[in-house]
C-alpha atoms as a PDB file:
ATOM      1  CA  UNK A   1      -8.333  14.264  -1.256  1.00  0.00           C
ATOM      2  CA  UNK A   2      -6.611  11.082  -2.469  1.00  0.00           C
ATOM      3  CA  UNK A   3      -9.009   9.174  -0.209  1.00  0.00           C
ATOM      4  CA  UNK A   4      -9.863   6.409  -2.686  1.00  0.00           C
ATOM      5  CA  UNK A   5     -10.344   2.869  -1.401  1.00  0.00           C
ATOM      6  CA  UNK A   6      -6.969   1.215  -2.255  1.00  0.00           C
ATOM      7  CA  UNK A   7      -4.972   4.034  -0.683  1.00  0.00           C
ATOM      8  CA  UNK A   8      -7.261   4.176   2.349  1.00  0.00           C
ATOM      9  CA  UNK A   9      -6.847   0.432   2.908  1.00  0.00           C
ATOM     10  CA  UNK A  10      -3.066   0.679   2.499  1.00  0.00           C
ATOM     11  CA  UNK A  11      -2.885   3.535   5.001  1.00  0.00           C
ATOM     12  CA  UNK A  12      -4.963   1.553   7.483  1.00  0.00           C
ATOM     13  CA  UNK A  13      -2.775  -1.536   7.097  1.00  0.00           C
ATOM     14  CA  UNK A  14       0.442   0.467   7.447  1.00  0.00           C
ATOM     15  CA  UNK A  15      -0.965   2.264  10.488  1.00  0.00           C
ATOM     16  CA  UNK A  16      -1.831  -1.020  12.172  1.00  0.00           C
ATOM     17  CA  UNK A  17       1.634  -2.422  11.448  1.00  0.00           C
ATOM     18  CA  UNK A  18       3.367   0.677  12.806  1.00  0.00           C
ATOM     19  CA  UNK A  19       1.153   0.726  15.903  1.00  0.00           C
ATOM     20  CA  UNK A  20       2.021  -2.913  16.595  1.00  0.00           C
ATOM     21  CA  UNK A  21       5.735  -2.236  16.105  1.00  0.00           C
ATOM     22  CA  UNK A  22       5.516   0.827  18.365  1.00  0.00           C
ATOM     23  CA  UNK A  23       3.988  -1.207  21.192  1.00  0.00           C
ATOM     24  CA  UNK A  24       6.628  -3.885  20.681  1.00  0.00           C
ATOM     25  CA  UNK A  25       9.522  -1.404  20.819  1.00  0.00           C
ATOM     26  CA  UNK A  26       8.210   0.869  23.558  1.00  0.00           C
ATOM     27  CA  UNK A  27       9.899  -0.988  26.444  1.00  0.00           C
ATOM     28  CA  UNK A  28      13.269  -0.510  24.709  1.00  0.00           C
ATOM     29  CA  UNK A  29      12.892   2.790  22.820  1.00  0.00           C
ATOM     30  CA  UNK A  30      10.526   4.667  25.111  1.00  0.00           C
ATOM     31  CA  UNK A  31       9.312   7.919  23.541  1.00  0.00           C
ATOM     32  CA  UNK A  32      11.246   7.171  20.340  1.00  0.00           C
ATOM     33  CA  UNK A  33       9.372   3.890  19.785  1.00  0.00           C
ATOM     34  CA  UNK A  34       7.325   5.159  16.827  1.00  0.00           C
ATOM     35  CA  UNK A  35      10.407   6.592  15.116  1.00  0.00           C
ATOM     36  CA  UNK A  36      12.157   3.252  15.656  1.00  0.00           C
ATOM     37  CA  UNK A  37       9.089   1.494  14.221  1.00  0.00           C
ATOM     38  CA  UNK A  38       9.359   3.648  11.087  1.00  0.00           C
ATOM     39  CA  UNK A  39      13.008   2.624  10.724  1.00  0.00           C
ATOM     40  CA  UNK A  40      12.067  -1.060  11.013  1.00  0.00           C
ATOM     41  CA  UNK A  41       9.174  -0.536   8.595  1.00  0.00           C
ATOM     42  CA  UNK A  42      11.599   0.988   6.084  1.00  0.00           C
ATOM     43  CA  UNK A  43      14.048  -1.898   6.490  1.00  0.00           C
ATOM     44  CA  UNK A  44      11.185  -4.357   5.894  1.00  0.00           C
ATOM     45  CA  UNK A  45      10.291  -2.530   2.671  1.00  0.00           C
ATOM     46  CA  UNK A  46      13.904  -2.635   1.486  1.00  0.00           C
ATOM     47  CA  UNK A  47      14.183  -6.345   2.291  1.00  0.00           C
ATOM     48  CA  UNK A  48      10.975  -6.914   0.332  1.00  0.00           C
ATOM     49  CA  UNK A  49      12.428  -5.362  -2.817  1.00  0.00           C
ATOM     50  CA  UNK A  50      15.961  -6.668  -2.270  1.00  0.00           C
ATOM     51  CA  UNK A  51      15.690  -9.271  -5.086  1.00  0.00           C
ATOM     52  CA  UNK A  52      15.166  -6.402  -7.526  1.00  0.00           C
ATOM     53  CA  UNK A  53      18.160  -4.592  -6.072  1.00  0.00           C
ATOM     54  CA  UNK A  54      20.343  -7.666  -6.562  1.00  0.00           C
ATOM     55  CA  UNK A  55      19.091  -7.912 -10.160  1.00  0.00           C
ATOM     56  CA  UNK A  56      19.940  -4.222 -10.610  1.00  0.00           C
ATOM     57  CA  UNK A  57      23.503  -4.788  -9.404  1.00  0.00           C
ATOM     58  CA  UNK A  58      23.904  -7.775 -11.719  1.00  0.00           C
ATOM     59  CA  UNK A  59      22.738  -5.598 -14.607  1.00  0.00           C
ATOM     60  CA  UNK A  60      25.316  -2.959 -13.701  1.00  0.00           C
ATOM     61  CA  UNK A  61      28.051  -5.597 -13.686  1.00  0.00           C
ATOM     62  CA  UNK A  62      26.965  -6.835 -17.088  1.00  0.00           C
ATOM     63  CA  UNK A  63      27.038  -3.302 -18.479  1.00  0.00           C
ATOM     64  CA  UNK A  64      30.482  -2.748 -16.963  1.00  0.00           C
ATOM     65  CA  UNK A  65      31.696  -5.969 -18.584  1.00  0.00           C
ATOM     66  CA  UNK A  66      30.343  -4.744 -21.925  1.00  0.00           C
ATOM     67  CA  UNK A  67      32.110  -1.366 -21.669  1.00  0.00           C
ATOM     68  CA  UNK A  68      34.923  -2.309 -24.123  1.00  0.00           C
ATOM     69  CA  UNK A  69      32.327  -3.305 -26.717  1.00  0.00           C
ATOM     70  CA  UNK A  70      30.378  -0.103 -26.132  1.00  0.00           C
ATOM     71  CA  UNK A  71      33.523   1.960 -26.682  1.00  0.00           C
ATOM     72  CA  UNK A  72      34.201  -0.010 -29.872  1.00  0.00           C
ATOM     73  CA  UNK A  73      30.688   0.801 -31.102  1.00  0.00           C
ATOM     74  CA  UNK A  74      31.223   4.453 -30.224  1.00  0.00           C
ATOM     75  CA  UNK A  75      34.319   4.537 -32.418  1.00  0.00           C
ATOM     76  CA  UNK A  76      32.635   2.618 -35.237  1.00  0.00           C
ATOM     77  CA  UNK A  77      29.466   4.750 -35.338  1.00  0.00           C
ATOM     78  CA  UNK A  78      30.898   8.080 -34.198  1.00  0.00           C
ATOM     79  CA  UNK A  79      29.193   9.850 -37.121  1.00  0.00           C
ATOM     80  CA  UNK A  80      25.869   8.018 -36.827  1.00  0.00           C
ATOM     81  CA  UNK A  81      24.343   8.629 -33.338  1.00  0.00           C
ATOM     82  CA  UNK A  82      21.026   6.927 -34.155  1.00  0.00           C
ATOM     83  CA  UNK A  83      22.728   3.701 -35.237  1.00  0.00           C
ATOM     84  CA  UNK A  84      25.074   3.900 -32.259  1.00  0.00           C
ATOM     85  CA  UNK A  85      22.216   4.083 -29.798  1.00  0.00           C
ATOM     86  CA  UNK A  86      20.365   1.232 -31.537  1.00  0.00           C
ATOM     87  CA  UNK A  87      23.456  -0.984 -31.534  1.00  0.00           C
ATOM     88  CA  UNK A  88      24.181  -0.317 -27.858  1.00  0.00           C
ATOM     89  CA  UNK A  89      20.624  -1.188 -26.829  1.00  0.00           C
ATOM     90  CA  UNK A  90      20.815  -4.347 -28.956  1.00  0.00           C
ATOM     91  CA  UNK A  91      24.070  -5.286 -27.223  1.00  0.00           C
ATOM     92  CA  UNK A  92      22.489  -4.750 -23.801  1.00  0.00           C
ATOM     93  CA  UNK A  93      19.372  -6.716 -24.715  1.00  0.00           C
ATOM     94  CA  UNK A  94      21.355  -9.719 -25.942  1.00  0.00           C
ATOM     95  CA  UNK A  95      23.468  -9.651 -22.765  1.00  0.00           C
ATOM     96  CA  UNK A  96      20.417  -9.298 -20.492  1.00  0.00           C
ATOM     97  CA  UNK A  97      21.621  -5.925 -19.184  1.00  0.00           C
ATOM     98  CA  UNK A  98      18.484  -3.794 -19.275  1.00  0.00           C
ATOM     99  CA  UNK A  99      19.335  -0.271 -17.989  1.00  0.00           C
ATOM    100  CA  UNK A 100      15.664   0.493 -17.291  1.00  0.00           C
ATOM    101  CA  UNK A 101      15.479  -2.275 -14.680  1.00  0.00           C
ATOM    102  CA  UNK A 102      17.701  -0.186 -12.407  1.00  0.00           C
ATOM    103  CA  UNK A 103      14.813   2.216 -11.789  1.00  0.00           C
ATOM    104  CA  UNK A 104      12.441  -0.411 -10.377  1.00  0.00           C
ATOM    105  CA  UNK A 105      13.660  -0.420  -6.736  1.00  0.00           C
ATOM    106  CA  UNK A 106      13.232   3.359  -6.573  1.00  0.00           C
ATOM    107  CA  UNK A 107       9.806   3.349  -8.246  1.00  0.00           C
ATOM    108  CA  UNK A 108       8.474   0.599  -5.980  1.00  0.00           C
ATOM    109  CA  UNK A 109       9.260   2.664  -2.896  1.00  0.00           C
ATOM    110  CA  UNK A 110       7.035   5.547  -3.991  1.00  0.00           C
ATOM    111  CA  UNK A 111       3.746   3.938  -2.820  1.00  0.00           C
ATOM    112  CA  UNK A 112       5.216   3.248   0.632  1.00  0.00           C
ATOM    113  CA  UNK A 113       6.359   6.858   0.939  1.00  0.00           C
ATOM    114  CA  UNK A 114       2.920   8.083  -0.126  1.00  0.00           C
ATOM    115  CA  UNK A 115       1.238   5.891   2.479  1.00  0.00           C
ATOM    116  CA  UNK A 116       3.580   7.147   5.184  1.00  0.00           C
ATOM    117  CA  UNK A 117       2.912  10.744   4.118  1.00  0.00           C
ATOM    118  CA  UNK A 118      -0.842  10.209   4.416  1.00  0.00           C
ATOM    119  CA  UNK A 119      -0.487   8.440   7.742  1.00  0.00           C
ATOM    120  CA  UNK A 120       1.374  11.360   9.332  1.00  0.00           C
ATOM    121  CA  UNK A 121      -0.339  14.238   7.516  1.00  0.00           C
ATOM    122  CA  UNK A 122      -3.956  13.249   8.246  1.00  0.00           C
ATOM    123  CA  UNK A 123      -5.799  11.207  10.843  1.00  0.00           C
ATOM    124  CA  UNK A 124      -6.670   8.639   8.213  1.00  0.00           C
ATOM    125  CA  UNK A 125      -6.480   5.127   9.615  1.00  0.00           C
ATOM    126  CA  UNK A 126      -7.477   6.209  13.131  1.00  0.00           C
ATOM    127  CA  UNK A 127      -4.307   4.911  14.764  1.00  0.00           C
ATOM    128  CA  UNK A 128      -3.359   8.035  16.700  1.00  0.00           C
ATOM    129  CA  UNK A 129       0.171   7.951  15.275  1.00  0.00           C
ATOM    130  CA  UNK A 130      -0.139  11.595  14.263  1.00  0.00           C
ATOM    131  CA  UNK A 131       0.295  12.533  17.940  1.00  0.00           C
ATOM    132  CA  UNK A 132       3.538  10.580  18.387  1.00  0.00           C
ATOM    133  CA  UNK A 133       6.800  12.500  18.840  1.00  0.00           C
ATOM    134  CA  UNK A 134      10.565  12.247  18.503  1.00  0.00           C
ATOM    135  CA  UNK A 135      12.672  14.435  20.830  1.00  0.00           C
ATOM    136  CA  UNK A 136       9.495  16.379  21.574  1.00  0.00           C
ATOM    137  CA  UNK A 137       8.749  17.077  17.891  1.00  0.00           C
ATOM    138  CA  UNK A 138       5.492  15.650  16.466  1.00  0.00           C
ATOM    139  CA  UNK A 139       6.150  13.095  13.729  1.00  0.00           C
ATOM    140  CA  UNK A 140       3.608  14.959  11.603  1.00  0.00           C
ATOM    141  CA  UNK A 141       5.627  18.194  11.873  1.00  0.00           C
ATOM    142  CA  UNK A 142       6.695  19.837   8.586  1.00  0.00           C
ATOM    143  CA  UNK A 143       9.511  22.330   8.131  1.00  0.00           C
ATOM    144  CA  UNK A 144       6.859  24.873   7.179  1.00  0.00           C
ATOM    145  CA  UNK A 145       5.346  24.508  10.641  1.00  0.00           C
ATOM    146  CA  UNK A 146       8.399  26.208  12.152  1.00  0.00           C
ATOM    147  CA  UNK A 147      11.813  25.373  13.587  1.00  0.00           C
ATOM    148  CA  UNK A 148      11.241  26.312  17.195  1.00  0.00           C
ATOM    149  CA  UNK A 149      12.562  24.119  19.981  1.00  0.00           C
ATOM    150  CA  UNK A 150      14.027  20.791  18.958  1.00  0.00           C
ATOM    151  CA  UNK A 151      12.508  20.903  15.449  1.00  0.00           C
ATOM    152  CA  UNK A 152      15.368  22.988  14.008  1.00  0.00           C
ATOM    153  CA  UNK A 153      18.260  20.804  15.197  1.00  0.00           C
ATOM    154  CA  UNK A 154      16.375  17.581  14.442  1.00  0.00           C
ATOM    155  CA  UNK A 155      15.480  18.511  10.868  1.00  0.00           C
ATOM    156  CA  UNK A 156      18.959  19.997  10.428  1.00  0.00           C
ATOM    157  CA  UNK A 157      20.695  16.741  11.336  1.00  0.00           C
ATOM    158  CA  UNK A 158      18.407  14.664   9.098  1.00  0.00           C
ATOM    159  CA  UNK A 159      18.869  17.011   6.122  1.00  0.00           C
ATOM    160  CA  UNK A 160      22.659  17.030   6.539  1.00  0.00           C
ATOM    161  CA  UNK A 161      22.663  13.216   6.543  1.00  0.00           C
ATOM    162  CA  UNK A 162      20.590  13.225   3.348  1.00  0.00           C
ATOM    163  CA  UNK A 163      22.969  15.726   1.744  1.00  0.00           C
ATOM    164  CA  UNK A 164      26.032  13.617   2.549  1.00  0.00           C
ATOM    165  CA  UNK A 165      24.400  10.457   1.185  1.00  0.00           C
ATOM    166  CA  UNK A 166      23.245  12.318  -1.949  1.00  0.00           C
ATOM    167  CA  UNK A 167      26.766  13.653  -2.556  1.00  0.00           C
ATOM    168  CA  UNK A 168      28.255  10.175  -2.193  1.00  0.00           C
ATOM    169  CA  UNK A 169      25.623   8.629  -4.495  1.00  0.00           C
ATOM    170  CA  UNK A 170      26.135  11.355  -7.097  1.00  0.00           C
ATOM    171  CA  UNK A 171      29.874  10.770  -7.076  1.00  0.00           C
ATOM    172  CA  UNK A 172      29.385   7.031  -7.526  1.00  0.00           C
ATOM    173  CA  UNK A 173      26.949   7.616 -10.426  1.00  0.00           C
ATOM    174  CA  UNK A 174      29.538   9.734 -12.258  1.00  0.00           C
ATOM    175  CA  UNK A 175      32.200   7.068 -11.811  1.00  0.00           C
ATOM    176  CA  UNK A 176      29.842   4.303 -12.956  1.00  0.00           C
ATOM    177  CA  UNK A 177      28.887   6.214 -16.119  1.00  0.00           C
ATOM    178  CA  UNK A 178      32.545   6.827 -16.935  1.00  0.00           C
ATOM    179  CA  UNK A 179      33.388   3.150 -16.387  1.00  0.00           C
ATOM    180  CA  UNK A 180      30.682   1.689 -18.657  1.00  0.00           C
ATOM    181  CA  UNK A 181      30.773   4.412 -21.322  1.00  0.00           C
ATOM    182  CA  UNK A 182      27.040   5.090 -21.098  1.00  0.00           C
ATOM    183  CA  UNK A 183      24.672   7.388 -19.221  1.00  0.00           C
ATOM    184  CA  UNK A 184      21.527   5.532 -18.117  1.00  0.00           C
ATOM    185  CA  UNK A 185      22.078   3.102 -20.983  1.00  0.00           C
ATOM    186  CA  UNK A 186      22.630   5.878 -23.545  1.00  0.00           C
ATOM    187  CA  UNK A 187      26.060   6.059 -25.224  1.00  0.00           C
ATOM    188  CA  UNK A 188      28.121   9.000 -24.007  1.00  0.00           C
ATOM    189  CA  UNK A 189      28.564  10.010 -27.616  1.00  0.00           C
ATOM    190  CA  UNK A 190      24.861   9.691 -28.438  1.00  0.00           C
ATOM    191  CA  UNK A 191      22.185  12.391 -28.716  1.00  0.00           C
ATOM    192  CA  UNK A 192      21.165  13.884 -25.378  1.00  0.00           C
ATOM    193  CA  UNK A 193      23.951  12.110 -23.498  1.00  0.00           C
ATOM    194  CA  UNK A 194      25.572  15.379 -22.456  1.00  0.00           C
ATOM    195  CA  UNK A 195      22.310  16.593 -20.913  1.00  0.00           C
ATOM    196  CA  UNK A 196      21.721  13.249 -19.190  1.00  0.00           C
ATOM    197  CA  UNK A 197      25.298  13.291 -17.957  1.00  0.00           C
ATOM    198  CA  UNK A 198      24.645  16.595 -16.214  1.00  0.00           C
ATOM    199  CA  UNK A 199      21.211  15.734 -14.845  1.00  0.00           C
ATOM    200  CA  UNK A 200      21.599  12.178 -13.543  1.00  0.00           C
ATOM    201  CA  UNK A 201      24.287  12.978 -10.942  1.00  0.00           C
ATOM    202  CA  UNK A 202      21.900  15.609  -9.567  1.00  0.00           C
ATOM    203  CA  UNK A 203      19.011  13.166  -9.079  1.00  0.00           C
ATOM    204  CA  UNK A 204      20.163  11.961  -5.620  1.00  0.00           C
ATOM    205  CA  UNK A 205      19.802  15.536  -4.367  1.00  0.00           C
ATOM    206  CA  UNK A 206      16.073  15.508  -5.190  1.00  0.00           C
ATOM    207  CA  UNK A 207      15.680  13.429  -2.022  1.00  0.00           C
ATOM    208  CA  UNK A 208      16.751  16.473  -0.016  1.00  0.00           C
ATOM    209  CA  UNK A 209      14.253  18.689  -1.855  1.00  0.00           C
ATOM    210  CA  UNK A 210      11.438  16.193  -1.251  1.00  0.00           C
ATOM    211  CA  UNK A 211      12.322  16.063   2.452  1.00  0.00           C
ATOM    212  CA  UNK A 212      11.666  19.807   2.708  1.00  0.00           C
ATOM    213  CA  UNK A 213       7.932  19.270   2.179  1.00  0.00           C
ATOM    214  CA  UNK A 214       7.412  15.979   4.010  1.00  0.00           C
ATOM    215  CA  UNK A 215       6.391  15.368   7.643  1.00  0.00           C
ATOM    216  CA  UNK A 216       9.130  14.277  10.040  1.00  0.00           C
ATOM    217  CA  UNK A 217       8.015  10.625   9.878  1.00  0.00           C
ATOM    218  CA  UNK A 218       8.491  10.530   6.096  1.00  0.00           C
ATOM    219  CA  UNK A 219      11.867  12.273   6.411  1.00  0.00           C
ATOM    220  CA  UNK A 220      12.959   9.494   8.787  1.00  0.00           C
ATOM    221  CA  UNK A 221      11.859   7.018   6.105  1.00  0.00           C
ATOM    222  CA  UNK A 222      13.938   8.862   3.469  1.00  0.00           C
ATOM    223  CA  UNK A 223      17.029   8.960   5.678  1.00  0.00           C
ATOM    224  CA  UNK A 224      16.717   5.248   6.483  1.00  0.00           C
ATOM    225  CA  UNK A 225      16.150   4.126   2.896  1.00  0.00           C
ATOM    226  CA  UNK A 226      18.930   6.398   1.602  1.00  0.00           C
ATOM    227  CA  UNK A 227      21.309   5.025   4.206  1.00  0.00           C
ATOM    228  CA  UNK A 228      20.286   1.489   3.281  1.00  0.00           C
ATOM    229  CA  UNK A 229      21.006   2.267  -0.386  1.00  0.00           C
ATOM    230  CA  UNK A 230      24.434   3.643   0.504  1.00  0.00           C
ATOM    231  CA  UNK A 231      25.276   0.463   2.432  1.00  0.00           C
ATOM    232  CA  UNK A 232      24.058  -1.629  -0.497  1.00  0.00           C
ATOM    233  CA  UNK A 233      26.275   0.327  -2.862  1.00  0.00           C
ATOM    234  CA  UNK A 234      29.274  -0.134  -0.599  1.00  0.00           C
ATOM    235  CA  UNK A 235      28.698  -3.883  -0.146  1.00  0.00           C
ATOM    236  CA  UNK A 236      27.075  -5.150  -3.352  1.00  0.00           C
ATOM    237  CA  UNK A 237      28.931  -2.923  -5.775  1.00  0.00           C
ATOM    238  CA  UNK A 238      32.454  -3.594  -4.525  1.00  0.00           C
ATOM    239  CA  UNK A 239      34.789  -4.374  -7.467  1.00  0.00           C
ATOM    240  CA  UNK A 240      36.057  -7.438  -5.611  1.00  0.00           C
ATOM    241  CA  UNK A 241      32.489  -8.752  -5.383  1.00  0.00           C
ATOM    242  CA  UNK A 242      32.335  -9.448  -9.134  1.00  0.00           C
ATOM    243  CA  UNK A 243      32.792 -13.191  -9.561  1.00  0.00           C
ATOM    244  CA  UNK A 244      35.861 -13.880 -11.674  1.00  0.00           C
ATOM    245  CA  UNK A 245      35.039 -15.542 -14.940  1.00  0.00           C
ATOM    246  CA  UNK A 246      31.289 -14.980 -14.595  1.00  0.00           C
ATOM    247  CA  UNK A 247      31.227 -12.744 -17.660  1.00  0.00           C
ATOM    248  CA  UNK A 248      34.468 -13.773 -19.343  1.00  0.00           C
ATOM    249  CA  UNK A 249      32.649 -15.931 -21.837  1.00  0.00           C
ATOM    250  CA  UNK A 250      30.836 -12.971 -23.381  1.00  0.00           C
ATOM    251  CA  UNK A 251      32.073 -11.899 -26.815  1.00  0.00           C
ATOM    252  CA  UNK A 252      34.442  -8.990 -26.720  1.00  0.00           C
ATOM    253  CA  UNK A 253      35.303  -9.405 -23.064  1.00  0.00           C
ATOM    254  CA  UNK A 254      38.847  -8.156 -22.401  1.00  0.00           C
ATOM    255  CA  UNK A 255      41.065 -10.002 -20.005  1.00  0.00           C
END
């Protein structure tokens, strides 16, 4: 199942990298070396896609700067939702603020998560990582395998961390939508915006649902990447981080 050549090769490469990292970290991390290797692997993935994340943040700033113009369009085309949506997308395109680009960092992580799932759900790759443990719990352990011993507390802590991060991300998404006057690039007054406005803040919580069916190793990946995203949001999306005057030259920019 799913054992086609590209995926098999990716699993083998990831297994070799994690095995090397585990051996490197073992003198420092001891029995938690493989878990620490997964954390470093996740950080490497996030660093790899960091240029896209920076581009995503720049796009958000451009959309925020265009918020007064979006609200003006909403007033002008309040009775014509189709024209409103077309005009808003035209405004974004001319300003280089593509709302779809914000999904790329998330989409690019999916293959890495799939590879990690395969690596710790099967013996594919022949690395022996499936037998590694954290606090006595196999890294291939699923919630469905039981919560006896340390499994219950360990999964409980990881799921609580994911819940807190999801709540914080959801709150930030609501504030961002209110600030720019759009929901995922769709005007708040446009067709379907109300439904999107209810659904998008719930998307961060899907990470918690996914964690319920993943092996412990993949849950560690989710916690690490979610924590990384939260730090990025706190650092890159600070209001004070917007360079003054960088967008002032755009038409309609309010001072």
